[in-house]
Amino acid sequence: MTKEEIQYYYNLQSEAMIARDISKMQNGGEDPFNYQADVDKFTKKLEELERNV
């Protein structure tokens, strides 16, 4: 795995976290679009990539 791949997934994870936080602010603390699932998916992928470096 390359440094670029790790950066790519890190950026996706960051964007998903921002989307989740904005969604929660707009929806009274709820996450109706389940952005947390995206955050979890990208976090898991990052952990896999970092283990294989």
Protein backbone atom coordinates (compact mmCIF):
# COMPACT_ATOMS: atom_id res chain seq x y z
CA MET A 1 0.00 0.00 0.00
CA THR A 2 1.25 3.42 -0.86
CA LYS A 3 1.29 6.61 1.09
CA GLU A 4 -1.07 8.08 -1.52
CA GLU A 5 -3.64 5.35 -0.85
CA ILE A 6 -3.51 6.00 2.88
CA GLN A 7 -3.93 9.74 2.26
CA TYR A 8 -6.88 9.06 -0.06
CA TYR A 9 -8.74 7.03 2.57
CA TYR A 10 -7.80 9.49 5.29
CA ASN A 11 -9.40 12.26 3.21
CA LEU A 12 -12.54 10.17 2.66
CA GLN A 13 -12.74 9.46 6.39
CA SER A 14 -12.36 13.18 7.18
CA GLU A 15 -15.09 14.14 4.71
CA ALA A 16 -17.43 11.52 6.15
CA MET A 17 -16.80 12.85 9.67
CA ILE A 18 -17.58 16.39 8.55
CA ALA A 19 -20.77 15.25 6.78
CA ARG A 20 -21.81 13.30 9.90
CA ASP A 21 -21.21 16.28 12.19
CA ILE A 22 -23.08 18.71 9.92
CA SER A 23 -25.96 16.25 9.61
CA LYS A 24 -26.14 15.93 13.39
CA MET A 25 -26.17 19.71 13.81
CA GLN A 26 -28.98 20.06 11.29
CA ASN A 27 -31.03 17.17 12.65
CA GLY A 28 -30.99 17.69 16.39
CA GLY A 29 -28.15 15.30 17.12
CA GLU A 30 -29.48 12.51 14.93
CA ASP A 31 -27.62 10.97 11.99
CA PRO A 32 -30.53 10.10 9.63
CA PHE A 33 -28.27 9.43 6.64
CA ASN A 34 -26.00 7.14 8.70
CA TYR A 35 -22.75 8.89 7.85
CA GLN A 36 -21.26 7.06 10.83
CA ALA A 37 -21.31 3.88 8.74
CA ASP A 38 -19.09 5.62 6.17
CA VAL A 39 -16.75 6.84 8.91
CA ASP A 40 -16.49 3.29 10.26
CA LYS A 41 -15.90 1.84 6.79
CA PHE A 42 -13.07 4.26 6.00
CA THR A 43 -11.57 3.87 9.48
CA LYS A 44 -11.48 0.10 9.01
CA LYS A 45 -9.86 0.47 5.59
CA LEU A 46 -7.22 2.82 7.01
CA GLU A 47 -6.43 0.36 9.79
CA GLU A 48 -5.98 -2.42 7.22
CA LEU A 49 -3.70 -0.27 5.06
CA GLU A 50 -1.59 0.82 8.01
CA ARG A 51 -1.13 -2.79 9.15
CA ASN A 52 0.14 -3.72 5.68
CA VAL A 53 2.65 -0.89 5.36
